[in-house]
Amino acid sequence: MITVAIAEDHQSLVDGINLLLKYEDDISVVGMANDGEALLEIVQKKQPQVVLTDIKMPKIDGIAATKLIKKEFPETKIIAFTMFNQRDAVSQMIAAGASGYLLKNSPLEEVLNAIKSVAEGNTFFDSGIDLSFLDEAAETTSKKPLLSKSEREILRYIGQGKSSSQIANLRFTAVSTVEKHRKNMMHKLGLSGKNELLRYALEQKYDF
């Protein structure tokens, strides 16, 4: 049984969704709210598997409510149900932890499909939403180098077998600064051990 909570400030829409789900044998509506504050109370008491929420609501908006719910109940799946299809609204809800995003002009059957899909661990996005910006963001992130320019320069010196003192002299900086860069690189690369940076530098051909 999939337990669902609905948050929407228009009661007629809440009633319509509730009526749709009422006849589903594998879905149970455990709470309905007209504002974000009431939604949080329902989630805390009932801990539904899926939350269907509007973005623009009184007291606490859907984005803030999603963040709070995901922080306390990370397993809860959240679907945005809204009029807004702007990139900012979509990206903010995804960043907050939403698993789905539906527009209010979607057929009610689509709501049913979305609930079942996210309950199974999938994502579900309205076909009317342009998600190409997510691919662009992922591509930009993948192109961003893990190490900074200074860290890559120091790593080259490490690959050449130079000590922190020698590197500091070459870069006209303090030894403590070089050591700080070393620690940051170890953390970023998930390395531990005295000679791990040297080995990594040689493996990555940072010895030139």
N, C-alpha and C. Protein backbone atom coordinates (compact mmCIF):
# COMPACT_ATOMS: atom_id res chain seq x y z
N MET A 1 0.84 -1.20 0.00
CA MET A 1 0.00 0.00 0.00
C MET A 1 0.87 1.25 0.00
N ILE A 2 0.64 2.14 -0.96
CA ILE A 2 1.38 3.40 -1.04
C ILE A 2 0.60 4.47 -0.27
N THR A 3 1.19 5.02 0.77
CA THR A 3 0.53 6.07 1.54
C THR A 3 0.92 7.44 0.97
N VAL A 4 -0.08 8.31 0.84
CA VAL A 4 0.12 9.59 0.16
C VAL A 4 -0.44 10.74 1.00
N ALA A 5 0.29 11.87 0.99
CA ALA A 5 -0.21 13.12 1.56
C ALA A 5 -0.29 14.15 0.44
N ILE A 6 -1.32 14.97 0.47
CA ILE A 6 -1.54 15.97 -0.57
C ILE A 6 -1.54 17.36 0.04
N ALA A 7 -0.78 18.28 -0.56
CA ALA A 7 -0.75 19.66 -0.10
C ALA A 7 -1.03 20.60 -1.27
N GLU A 8 -2.09 21.35 -1.16
CA GLU A 8 -2.53 22.25 -2.24
C GLU A 8 -3.49 23.26 -1.63
N ASP A 9 -3.30 24.56 -1.96
CA ASP A 9 -4.13 25.56 -1.30
C ASP A 9 -5.51 25.72 -1.93
N HIS A 10 -5.77 25.03 -3.04
CA HIS A 10 -7.11 25.04 -3.61
C HIS A 10 -7.81 23.73 -3.23
N GLN A 11 -8.77 23.81 -2.34
CA GLN A 11 -9.42 22.62 -1.80
C GLN A 11 -10.10 21.79 -2.89
N SER A 12 -10.63 22.44 -3.91
CA SER A 12 -11.31 21.70 -4.97
C SER A 12 -10.36 20.76 -5.70
N LEU A 13 -9.11 21.19 -5.87
CA LEU A 13 -8.12 20.35 -6.52
C LEU A 13 -7.71 19.19 -5.61
N VAL A 14 -7.60 19.48 -4.32
CA VAL A 14 -7.30 18.43 -3.34
C VAL A 14 -8.39 17.37 -3.37
N ASP A 15 -9.63 17.83 -3.41
CA ASP A 15 -10.77 16.90 -3.43
C ASP A 15 -10.76 16.05 -4.70
N GLY A 16 -10.39 16.68 -5.82
CA GLY A 16 -10.36 15.96 -7.08
C GLY A 16 -9.31 14.86 -7.09
N ILE A 17 -8.12 15.17 -6.57
CA ILE A 17 -7.05 14.17 -6.51
C ILE A 17 -7.41 13.06 -5.53
N ASN A 18 -7.98 13.47 -4.40
CA ASN A 18 -8.39 12.48 -3.40
C ASN A 18 -9.43 11.52 -3.96
N LEU A 19 -10.37 12.06 -4.74
CA LEU A 19 -11.41 11.23 -5.36
C LEU A 19 -10.80 10.24 -6.36
N LEU A 20 -9.81 10.72 -7.11
CA LEU A 20 -9.12 9.85 -8.08
C LEU A 20 -8.45 8.68 -7.37
N LEU A 21 -7.75 8.99 -6.28
CA LEU A 21 -6.96 7.97 -5.58
C LEU A 21 -7.81 7.05 -4.71
N LYS A 22 -9.00 7.52 -4.40
CA LYS A 22 -9.89 6.77 -3.50
C LYS A 22 -10.21 5.37 -4.02
N TYR A 23 -10.24 5.24 -5.32
CA TYR A 23 -10.62 3.96 -5.92
C TYR A 23 -9.43 3.08 -6.30
N GLU A 24 -8.24 3.50 -5.87
CA GLU A 24 -7.04 2.69 -6.12
C GLU A 24 -6.79 1.77 -4.94
N ASP A 25 -6.75 0.48 -5.20
CA ASP A 25 -6.59 -0.50 -4.11
C ASP A 25 -5.23 -0.42 -3.44
N ASP A 26 -4.22 0.04 -4.18
CA ASP A 26 -2.86 0.05 -3.64
C ASP A 26 -2.38 1.43 -3.19
N ILE A 27 -3.31 2.39 -3.09
CA ILE A 27 -2.96 3.74 -2.65
C ILE A 27 -3.92 4.20 -1.56
N SER A 28 -3.36 4.82 -0.53
CA SER A 28 -4.18 5.34 0.56
C SER A 28 -3.76 6.77 0.88
N VAL A 29 -4.70 7.71 0.83
CA VAL A 29 -4.43 9.10 1.19
C VAL A 29 -4.51 9.23 2.71
N VAL A 30 -3.41 9.57 3.34
CA VAL A 30 -3.36 9.62 4.81
C VAL A 30 -3.48 11.04 5.36
N GLY A 31 -3.48 12.03 4.46
CA GLY A 31 -3.60 13.40 4.94
C GLY A 31 -3.69 14.40 3.80
N MET A 32 -4.42 15.50 4.05
CA MET A 32 -4.56 16.57 3.07
C MET A 32 -4.35 17.90 3.77
N ALA A 33 -3.61 18.81 3.11
CA ALA A 33 -3.29 20.09 3.72
C ALA A 33 -3.46 21.22 2.71
N ASN A 34 -3.74 22.43 3.23
CA ASN A 34 -3.87 23.60 2.37
C ASN A 34 -2.71 24.57 2.52
N ASP A 35 -1.74 24.22 3.34
CA ASP A 35 -0.55 25.05 3.49
C ASP A 35 0.64 24.18 3.91
N GLY A 36 1.84 24.74 3.78
CA GLY A 36 3.05 23.97 4.06
C GLY A 36 3.22 23.57 5.50
N GLU A 37 2.74 24.41 6.40
CA GLU A 37 2.86 24.10 7.83
C GLU A 37 2.03 22.87 8.19
N ALA A 38 0.80 22.83 7.67
CA ALA A 38 -0.07 21.68 7.92
C ALA A 38 0.49 20.42 7.27
N LEU A 39 1.12 20.59 6.12
CA LEU A 39 1.74 19.44 5.45
C LEU A 39 2.82 18.82 6.33
N LEU A 40 3.67 19.66 6.92
CA LEU A 40 4.74 19.15 7.77
C LEU A 40 4.19 18.38 8.96
N GLU A 41 3.09 18.87 9.52
CA GLU A 41 2.46 18.18 10.66
C GLU A 41 1.96 16.79 10.24
N ILE A 42 1.37 16.72 9.05
CA ILE A 42 0.88 15.44 8.54
C ILE A 42 2.03 14.46 8.32
N VAL A 43 3.10 14.96 7.72
CA VAL A 43 4.25 14.10 7.43
C VAL A 43 4.86 13.57 8.72
N GLN A 44 4.98 14.43 9.72
CA GLN A 44 5.55 14.00 11.00
C GLN A 44 4.69 12.95 11.69
N LYS A 45 3.38 13.08 11.59
CA LYS A 45 2.47 12.15 12.26
C LYS A 45 2.25 10.86 11.46
N LYS A 46 2.08 11.00 10.14
CA LYS A 46 1.70 9.86 9.30
C LYS A 46 2.86 9.23 8.54
N GLN A 47 3.92 10.02 8.31
CA GLN A 47 5.09 9.56 7.56
C GLN A 47 4.69 8.85 6.25
N PRO A 48 4.01 9.56 5.36
CA PRO A 48 3.59 8.97 4.08
C PRO A 48 4.79 8.62 3.20
N GLN A 49 4.59 7.68 2.31
CA GLN A 49 5.66 7.30 1.38
C GLN A 49 5.83 8.35 0.30
N VAL A 50 4.72 8.95 -0.12
CA VAL A 50 4.75 9.94 -1.20
C VAL A 50 4.01 11.21 -0.78
N VAL A 51 4.59 12.36 -1.10
CA VAL A 51 3.96 13.65 -0.85
C VAL A 51 3.76 14.36 -2.18
N LEU A 52 2.54 14.78 -2.43
CA LEU A 52 2.21 15.56 -3.62
C LEU A 52 1.98 16.99 -3.15
N THR A 53 2.84 17.93 -3.57
CA THR A 53 2.74 19.28 -3.02
C THR A 53 2.83 20.37 -4.07
N ASP A 54 2.03 21.41 -3.85
CA ASP A 54 2.15 22.61 -4.66
C ASP A 54 3.43 23.34 -4.24
N ILE A 55 3.91 24.24 -5.08
CA ILE A 55 5.10 25.02 -4.71
C ILE A 55 4.68 26.28 -3.96
N LYS A 56 3.73 27.03 -4.53
CA LYS A 56 3.30 28.28 -3.90
C LYS A 56 2.16 27.99 -2.93
N MET A 57 2.49 28.02 -1.64
CA MET A 57 1.49 27.76 -0.60
C MET A 57 1.66 28.74 0.55
N PRO A 58 0.59 28.97 1.33
CA PRO A 58 0.71 29.85 2.50
C PRO A 58 1.62 29.25 3.57
N LYS A 59 2.14 30.12 4.40
CA LYS A 59 2.95 29.79 5.59
C LYS A 59 4.33 29.22 5.24
N ILE A 60 4.38 28.07 4.58
CA ILE A 60 5.66 27.49 4.15
C ILE A 60 5.48 27.03 2.71
N ASP A 61 6.33 27.51 1.79
CA ASP A 61 6.15 27.12 0.39
C ASP A 61 6.64 25.68 0.16
N GLY A 62 6.33 25.16 -1.02
CA GLY A 62 6.65 23.77 -1.33
C GLY A 62 8.12 23.46 -1.35
N ILE A 63 8.94 24.42 -1.77
CA ILE A 63 10.39 24.19 -1.83
C ILE A 63 10.96 24.05 -0.42
N ALA A 64 10.59 24.99 0.47
CA ALA A 64 11.06 24.93 1.85
C ALA A 64 10.54 23.68 2.55
N ALA A 65 9.27 23.34 2.29
CA ALA A 65 8.67 22.15 2.91
C ALA A 65 9.39 20.89 2.45
N THR A 66 9.73 20.84 1.17
CA THR A 66 10.45 19.67 0.62
C THR A 66 11.80 19.50 1.31
N LYS A 67 12.52 20.59 1.48
CA LYS A 67 13.83 20.53 2.15
C LYS A 67 13.69 19.98 3.57
N LEU A 68 12.69 20.49 4.29
CA LEU A 68 12.49 20.07 5.68
C LEU A 68 12.08 18.60 5.77
N ILE A 69 11.20 18.19 4.86
CA ILE A 69 10.75 16.79 4.86
C ILE A 69 11.90 15.84 4.54
N LYS A 70 12.67 16.18 3.51
CA LYS A 70 13.78 15.30 3.10
C LYS A 70 14.87 15.23 4.16
N LYS A 71 15.01 16.30 4.93
CA LYS A 71 16.01 16.30 6.01
C LYS A 71 15.62 15.35 7.12
N GLU A 72 14.33 15.35 7.47
CA GLU A 72 13.85 14.51 8.58
C GLU A 72 13.44 13.12 8.13
N PHE A 73 12.89 13.04 6.92
CA PHE A 73 12.41 11.76 6.38
C PHE A 73 12.96 11.56 4.97
N PRO A 74 14.24 11.25 4.86
CA PRO A 74 14.89 11.16 3.53
C PRO A 74 14.27 10.12 2.60
N GLU A 75 13.57 9.13 3.13
CA GLU A 75 12.98 8.09 2.29
C GLU A 75 11.65 8.53 1.67
N THR A 76 11.08 9.61 2.16
CA THR A 76 9.82 10.11 1.60
C THR A 76 10.03 10.66 0.20
N LYS A 77 9.18 10.25 -0.73
CA LYS A 77 9.28 10.72 -2.11
C LYS A 77 8.34 11.91 -2.29
N ILE A 78 8.84 12.94 -2.95
CA ILE A 78 8.06 14.17 -3.10
C ILE A 78 7.87 14.52 -4.57
N ILE A 79 6.63 14.86 -4.91
CA ILE A 79 6.28 15.27 -6.27
C ILE A 79 5.75 16.69 -6.22
N ALA A 80 6.33 17.57 -7.01
CA ALA A 80 5.81 18.92 -7.13
C ALA A 80 4.60 18.89 -8.05
N PHE A 81 3.55 19.59 -7.67
CA PHE A 81 2.33 19.66 -8.47
C PHE A 81 1.96 21.13 -8.57
N THR A 82 2.27 21.75 -9.70
CA THR A 82 2.26 23.21 -9.76
C THR A 82 1.92 23.76 -11.14
N MET A 83 1.67 25.05 -11.20
CA MET A 83 1.47 25.74 -12.48
C MET A 83 2.80 26.17 -13.08
N PHE A 84 3.83 26.26 -12.25
CA PHE A 84 5.11 26.82 -12.68
C PHE A 84 5.97 25.80 -13.42
N ASN A 85 6.30 26.11 -14.67
CA ASN A 85 7.22 25.24 -15.41
C ASN A 85 8.53 25.94 -15.75
N GLN A 86 8.78 27.07 -15.05
CA GLN A 86 10.03 27.79 -15.27
C GLN A 86 11.22 26.98 -14.77
N ARG A 87 12.35 27.19 -15.41
CA ARG A 87 13.57 26.47 -15.07
C ARG A 87 13.93 26.62 -13.60
N ASP A 88 13.82 27.85 -13.06
CA ASP A 88 14.21 28.08 -11.66
C ASP A 88 13.37 27.25 -10.70
N ALA A 89 12.07 27.19 -10.95
CA ALA A 89 11.19 26.44 -10.07
C ALA A 89 11.51 24.95 -10.12
N VAL A 90 11.72 24.44 -11.31
CA VAL A 90 12.03 23.01 -11.48
C VAL A 90 13.36 22.68 -10.80
N SER A 91 14.38 23.49 -11.08
CA SER A 91 15.71 23.20 -10.53
C SER A 91 15.73 23.32 -9.02
N GLN A 92 14.98 24.28 -8.46
CA GLN A 92 14.94 24.43 -7.00
C GLN A 92 14.25 23.25 -6.33
N MET A 93 13.20 22.75 -6.95
CA MET A 93 12.51 21.59 -6.37
C MET A 93 13.39 20.33 -6.46
N ILE A 94 14.08 20.17 -7.58
CA ILE A 94 14.98 19.03 -7.72
C ILE A 94 16.11 19.12 -6.70
N ALA A 95 16.67 20.33 -6.55
CA ALA A 95 17.74 20.53 -5.57
C ALA A 95 17.25 20.28 -4.15
N ALA A 96 15.98 20.59 -3.89
CA ALA A 96 15.41 20.38 -2.55
C ALA A 96 15.19 18.90 -2.26
N GLY A 97 15.11 18.09 -3.33
CA GLY A 97 14.97 16.65 -3.12
C GLY A 97 13.75 16.01 -3.76
N ALA A 98 13.03 16.76 -4.60
CA ALA A 98 11.84 16.21 -5.25
C ALA A 98 12.21 15.11 -6.25
N SER A 99 11.37 14.08 -6.30
CA SER A 99 11.58 12.97 -7.24
C SER A 99 10.72 13.11 -8.48
N GLY A 100 9.75 14.03 -8.44
CA GLY A 100 8.86 14.21 -9.57
C GLY A 100 8.38 15.63 -9.68
N TYR A 101 7.88 15.99 -10.86
CA TYR A 101 7.42 17.36 -11.10
C TYR A 101 6.29 17.30 -12.12
N LEU A 102 5.10 17.69 -11.70
CA LEU A 102 3.91 17.65 -12.56
C LEU A 102 3.30 19.04 -12.69
N LEU A 103 2.75 19.32 -13.87
CA LEU A 103 2.04 20.57 -14.08
C LEU A 103 0.55 20.34 -13.81
N LYS A 104 -0.13 21.36 -13.33
CA LYS A 104 -1.52 21.21 -12.95
C LYS A 104 -2.46 20.99 -14.13
N ASN A 105 -1.98 21.25 -15.35
CA ASN A 105 -2.82 20.97 -16.50
C ASN A 105 -2.65 19.53 -17.00
N SER A 106 -1.91 18.72 -16.24
CA SER A 106 -1.74 17.31 -16.59
C SER A 106 -3.04 16.55 -16.30
N PRO A 107 -3.33 15.52 -17.06
CA PRO A 107 -4.49 14.67 -16.75
C PRO A 107 -4.32 14.06 -15.36
N LEU A 108 -5.40 13.86 -14.65
CA LEU A 108 -5.31 13.29 -13.31
C LEU A 108 -4.71 11.89 -13.33
N GLU A 109 -4.88 11.18 -14.44
CA GLU A 109 -4.28 9.85 -14.56
C GLU A 109 -2.76 9.94 -14.49
N GLU A 110 -2.23 11.07 -14.94
CA GLU A 110 -0.77 11.28 -14.90
C GLU A 110 -0.30 11.40 -13.46
N VAL A 111 -1.13 11.97 -12.62
CA VAL A 111 -0.82 12.07 -11.19
C VAL A 111 -0.67 10.67 -10.61
N LEU A 112 -1.58 9.81 -10.98
CA LEU A 112 -1.56 8.42 -10.51
C LEU A 112 -0.28 7.72 -10.96
N ASN A 113 0.07 7.92 -12.22
CA ASN A 113 1.30 7.30 -12.75
C ASN A 113 2.54 7.81 -12.02
N ALA A 114 2.55 9.11 -11.73
CA ALA A 114 3.70 9.72 -11.05
C ALA A 114 3.86 9.15 -9.65
N ILE A 115 2.77 9.03 -8.92
CA ILE A 115 2.81 8.51 -7.55
C ILE A 115 3.37 7.09 -7.54
N LYS A 116 2.86 6.25 -8.42
CA LYS A 116 3.33 4.86 -8.46
C LYS A 116 4.79 4.78 -8.88
N SER A 117 5.19 5.64 -9.80
CA SER A 117 6.56 5.62 -10.29
C SER A 117 7.57 6.01 -9.22
N VAL A 118 7.31 7.13 -8.53
CA VAL A 118 8.27 7.57 -7.51
C VAL A 118 8.27 6.64 -6.31
N ALA A 119 7.13 6.02 -6.02
CA ALA A 119 7.06 5.07 -4.91
C ALA A 119 7.97 3.87 -5.16
N GLU A 120 8.18 3.56 -6.43
CA GLU A 120 9.07 2.44 -6.80
C GLU A 120 10.53 2.86 -6.88
N GLY A 121 10.80 4.13 -6.57
CA GLY A 121 12.18 4.60 -6.57
C GLY A 121 12.61 5.29 -7.84
N ASN A 122 11.66 5.54 -8.74
CA ASN A 122 11.98 6.21 -10.00
C ASN A 122 11.70 7.71 -9.89
N THR A 123 12.08 8.45 -10.94
CA THR A 123 11.71 9.86 -11.04
C THR A 123 10.60 9.98 -12.08
N PHE A 124 9.85 11.06 -12.01
CA PHE A 124 8.76 11.26 -12.96
C PHE A 124 8.60 12.75 -13.22
N PHE A 125 8.79 13.13 -14.48
CA PHE A 125 8.67 14.54 -14.84
C PHE A 125 7.66 14.72 -15.97
N ASP A 126 6.84 15.74 -15.83
CA ASP A 126 5.82 16.06 -16.82
C ASP A 126 6.47 16.24 -18.20
N SER A 127 5.82 15.71 -19.21
CA SER A 127 6.37 15.80 -20.57
C SER A 127 6.42 17.24 -21.07
N GLY A 128 5.67 18.13 -20.42
CA GLY A 128 5.66 19.54 -20.83
C GLY A 128 6.81 20.34 -20.26
N ILE A 129 7.68 19.70 -19.48
CA ILE A 129 8.81 20.40 -18.86
C ILE A 129 10.08 20.15 -19.65
N ASP A 130 10.81 21.21 -19.97
CA ASP A 130 12.09 21.10 -20.67
C ASP A 130 13.18 20.85 -19.64
N LEU A 131 13.74 19.65 -19.66
CA LEU A 131 14.78 19.28 -18.69
C LEU A 131 16.18 19.32 -19.30
N SER A 132 16.32 19.92 -20.46
CA SER A 132 17.63 19.95 -21.12
C SER A 132 18.68 20.68 -20.29
N PHE A 133 18.23 21.63 -19.46
CA PHE A 133 19.18 22.37 -18.64
C PHE A 133 19.89 21.48 -17.63
N LEU A 134 19.24 20.37 -17.25
CA LEU A 134 19.89 19.43 -16.33
C LEU A 134 21.09 18.77 -16.99
N ASP A 135 20.96 18.43 -18.27
CA ASP A 135 22.07 17.85 -19.01
C ASP A 135 23.20 18.86 -19.16
N GLU A 136 22.81 20.13 -19.40
CA GLU A 136 23.82 21.18 -19.54
C GLU A 136 24.59 21.35 -18.24
N ALA A 137 23.87 21.33 -17.11
CA ALA A 137 24.51 21.49 -15.80
C ALA A 137 25.45 20.33 -15.52
N ALA A 138 25.01 19.11 -15.86
CA ALA A 138 25.84 17.93 -15.63
C ALA A 138 27.10 17.99 -16.48
N GLU A 139 26.94 18.47 -17.72
CA GLU A 139 28.10 18.56 -18.62
C GLU A 139 29.10 19.58 -18.11
N THR A 140 28.57 20.72 -17.62
CA THR A 140 29.44 21.76 -17.07
C THR A 140 30.20 21.25 -15.85
N THR A 141 29.48 20.51 -14.99
CA THR A 141 30.11 19.97 -13.78
C THR A 141 31.19 18.96 -14.13
N SER A 142 30.91 18.12 -15.14
CA SER A 142 31.88 17.09 -15.51
C SER A 142 33.14 17.69 -16.11
N LYS A 143 33.01 18.87 -16.71
CA LYS A 143 34.18 19.51 -17.33
C LYS A 143 35.02 20.25 -16.31
N LYS A 144 34.45 20.56 -15.17
CA LYS A 144 35.17 21.31 -14.15
C LYS A 144 36.24 20.43 -13.51
N PRO A 145 37.51 20.85 -13.55
CA PRO A 145 38.57 20.01 -12.99
C PRO A 145 38.42 19.85 -11.48
N LEU A 146 38.78 18.68 -10.99
CA LEU A 146 38.67 18.39 -9.57
C LEU A 146 39.64 19.24 -8.76
N LEU A 147 40.85 19.38 -9.27
CA LEU A 147 41.89 20.15 -8.58
C LEU A 147 42.01 21.55 -9.16
N SER A 148 42.34 22.51 -8.30
CA SER A 148 42.52 23.89 -8.75
C SER A 148 43.84 24.02 -9.52
N LYS A 149 44.02 25.15 -10.15
CA LYS A 149 45.25 25.40 -10.91
C LYS A 149 46.49 25.31 -10.02
N SER A 150 46.40 25.90 -8.82
CA SER A 150 47.54 25.86 -7.88
C SER A 150 47.83 24.42 -7.43
N GLU A 151 46.75 23.67 -7.18
CA GLU A 151 46.93 22.28 -6.74
C GLU A 151 47.56 21.43 -7.83
N ARG A 152 47.15 21.66 -9.07
CA ARG A 152 47.75 20.90 -10.19
C ARG A 152 49.23 21.24 -10.35
N GLU A 153 49.58 22.50 -10.14
CA GLU A 153 50.98 22.91 -10.24
C GLU A 153 51.82 22.25 -9.14
N ILE A 154 51.27 22.25 -7.93
CA ILE A 154 51.99 21.62 -6.82
C ILE A 154 52.11 20.12 -7.05
N LEU A 155 51.07 19.52 -7.59
CA LEU A 155 51.10 18.08 -7.86
C LEU A 155 52.19 17.73 -8.88
N ARG A 156 52.39 18.62 -9.84
CA ARG A 156 53.48 18.39 -10.82
C ARG A 156 54.83 18.38 -10.12
N TYR A 157 55.01 19.32 -9.20
CA TYR A 157 56.27 19.37 -8.46
C TYR A 157 56.44 18.12 -7.59
N ILE A 158 55.33 17.66 -6.99
CA ILE A 158 55.38 16.44 -6.19
C ILE A 158 55.80 15.27 -7.07
N GLY A 159 55.27 15.23 -8.29
CA GLY A 159 55.63 14.18 -9.24
C GLY A 159 57.10 14.21 -9.62
N GLN A 160 57.69 15.37 -9.48
CA GLN A 160 59.13 15.52 -9.77
C GLN A 160 59.99 15.19 -8.55
N GLY A 161 59.31 14.82 -7.45
CA GLY A 161 60.02 14.41 -6.25
C GLY A 161 60.45 15.55 -5.35
N LYS A 162 59.87 16.72 -5.53
CA LYS A 162 60.28 17.89 -4.73
C LYS A 162 59.56 17.91 -3.38
N SER A 163 60.24 18.41 -2.38
CA SER A 163 59.68 18.50 -1.03
C SER A 163 58.81 19.74 -0.92
N SER A 164 58.07 19.85 0.17
CA SER A 164 57.21 21.02 0.39
C SER A 164 58.04 22.29 0.46
N SER A 165 59.21 22.20 1.07
CA SER A 165 60.10 23.36 1.18
C SER A 165 60.59 23.81 -0.19
N GLN A 166 60.97 22.85 -1.03
CA GLN A 166 61.43 23.19 -2.38
C GLN A 166 60.29 23.78 -3.22
N ILE A 167 59.10 23.21 -3.06
CA ILE A 167 57.94 23.72 -3.80
C ILE A 167 57.60 25.14 -3.36
N ALA A 168 57.69 25.39 -2.05
CA ALA A 168 57.41 26.73 -1.52
C ALA A 168 58.39 27.75 -2.10
N ASN A 169 59.65 27.38 -2.22
CA ASN A 169 60.66 28.28 -2.79
C ASN A 169 60.38 28.57 -4.26
N LEU A 170 59.99 27.53 -4.99
CA LEU A 170 59.71 27.68 -6.42
C LEU A 170 58.48 28.55 -6.67
N ARG A 171 57.52 28.48 -5.75
CA ARG A 171 56.26 29.22 -5.92
C ARG A 171 56.24 30.52 -5.12
N PHE A 172 57.34 30.82 -4.45
CA PHE A 172 57.46 32.04 -3.66
C PHE A 172 56.31 32.15 -2.66
N THR A 173 56.11 31.06 -1.93
CA THR A 173 55.03 31.03 -0.95
C THR A 173 55.51 30.34 0.32
N ALA A 174 54.69 30.30 1.34
CA ALA A 174 55.07 29.69 2.61
C ALA A 174 54.93 28.17 2.53
N VAL A 175 55.75 27.48 3.32
CA VAL A 175 55.67 26.01 3.37
C VAL A 175 54.29 25.58 3.88
N SER A 176 53.76 26.34 4.81
CA SER A 176 52.43 26.02 5.37
C SER A 176 51.35 26.05 4.30
N THR A 177 51.50 26.95 3.34
CA THR A 177 50.54 27.04 2.23
C THR A 177 50.60 25.79 1.38
N VAL A 178 51.81 25.33 1.10
CA VAL A 178 51.98 24.11 0.31
C VAL A 178 51.39 22.92 1.05
N GLU A 179 51.64 22.86 2.35
CA GLU A 179 51.12 21.76 3.16
C GLU A 179 49.59 21.77 3.18
N LYS A 180 49.03 22.97 3.21
CA LYS A 180 47.56 23.10 3.18
C LYS A 180 47.01 22.56 1.86
N HIS A 181 47.68 22.91 0.76
CA HIS A 181 47.27 22.40 -0.56
C HIS A 181 47.38 20.88 -0.61
N ARG A 182 48.42 20.35 0.00
CA ARG A 182 48.60 18.90 0.04
C ARG A 182 47.41 18.23 0.74
N LYS A 183 47.03 18.78 1.89
CA LYS A 183 45.91 18.22 2.65
C LYS A 183 44.61 18.30 1.86
N ASN A 184 44.40 19.44 1.19
CA ASN A 184 43.18 19.60 0.40
C ASN A 184 43.12 18.59 -0.74
N MET A 185 44.27 18.36 -1.39
CA MET A 185 44.32 17.39 -2.48
C MET A 185 44.06 15.98 -1.98
N MET A 186 44.63 15.66 -0.85
CA MET A 186 44.43 14.33 -0.26
C MET A 186 42.93 14.11 0.00
N HIS A 187 42.29 15.17 0.52
CA HIS A 187 40.86 15.07 0.84
C HIS A 187 40.03 14.92 -0.44
N LYS A 188 40.30 15.76 -1.43
CA LYS A 188 39.55 15.73 -2.70
C LYS A 188 39.70 14.39 -3.42
N LEU A 189 40.91 13.85 -3.37
CA LEU A 189 41.20 12.63 -4.12
C LEU A 189 40.94 11.37 -3.31
N GLY A 190 40.58 11.54 -2.03
CA GLY A 190 40.30 10.38 -1.19
C GLY A 190 41.54 9.55 -0.91
N LEU A 191 42.66 10.22 -0.72
CA LEU A 191 43.94 9.53 -0.50
C LEU A 191 44.34 9.61 0.97
N SER A 192 45.15 8.65 1.39
CA SER A 192 45.72 8.68 2.74
C SER A 192 47.09 8.02 2.69
N GLY A 193 47.98 8.43 3.55
CA GLY A 193 49.32 7.87 3.53
C GLY A 193 50.32 8.87 2.97
N LYS A 194 51.53 8.81 3.45
CA LYS A 194 52.56 9.80 3.16
C LYS A 194 52.90 9.91 1.67
N ASN A 195 52.98 8.78 0.99
CA ASN A 195 53.45 8.80 -0.40
C ASN A 195 52.34 8.66 -1.44
N GLU A 196 51.08 8.73 -0.98
CA GLU A 196 49.96 8.52 -1.91
C GLU A 196 49.85 9.63 -2.96
N LEU A 197 50.18 10.87 -2.57
CA LEU A 197 50.12 11.96 -3.54
C LEU A 197 51.17 11.78 -4.63
N LEU A 198 52.35 11.33 -4.24
CA LEU A 198 53.42 11.08 -5.21
C LEU A 198 52.99 10.00 -6.18
N ARG A 199 52.44 8.92 -5.66
CA ARG A 199 52.01 7.83 -6.52
C ARG A 199 50.91 8.29 -7.47
N TYR A 200 49.96 9.09 -6.94
CA TYR A 200 48.88 9.60 -7.79
C TYR A 200 49.45 10.50 -8.89
N ALA A 201 50.40 11.38 -8.51
CA ALA A 201 51.01 12.30 -9.48
C ALA A 201 51.67 11.53 -10.61
N LEU A 202 52.38 10.46 -10.26
CA LEU A 202 53.06 9.66 -11.28
C LEU A 202 52.06 8.91 -12.16
N GLU A 203 51.00 8.40 -11.55
CA GLU A 203 49.98 7.68 -12.32
C GLU A 203 49.27 8.59 -13.31
N GLN A 204 49.07 9.84 -12.89
CA GLN A 204 48.38 10.82 -13.74
C GLN A 204 49.35 11.58 -14.65
N LYS A 205 50.61 11.14 -14.64
CA LYS A 205 51.66 11.78 -15.46
C LYS A 205 51.86 13.24 -15.12
N TYR A 206 51.77 13.54 -13.81
CA TYR A 206 52.04 14.90 -13.33
C TYR A 206 53.52 15.04 -12.96
N ASP A 207 54.38 14.36 -13.71
CA ASP A 207 55.80 14.39 -13.39
C ASP A 207 56.58 15.22 -14.38
N PHE A 208 55.87 16.03 -15.19
CA PHE A 208 56.58 16.82 -16.20
C PHE A 208 56.79 18.25 -15.72
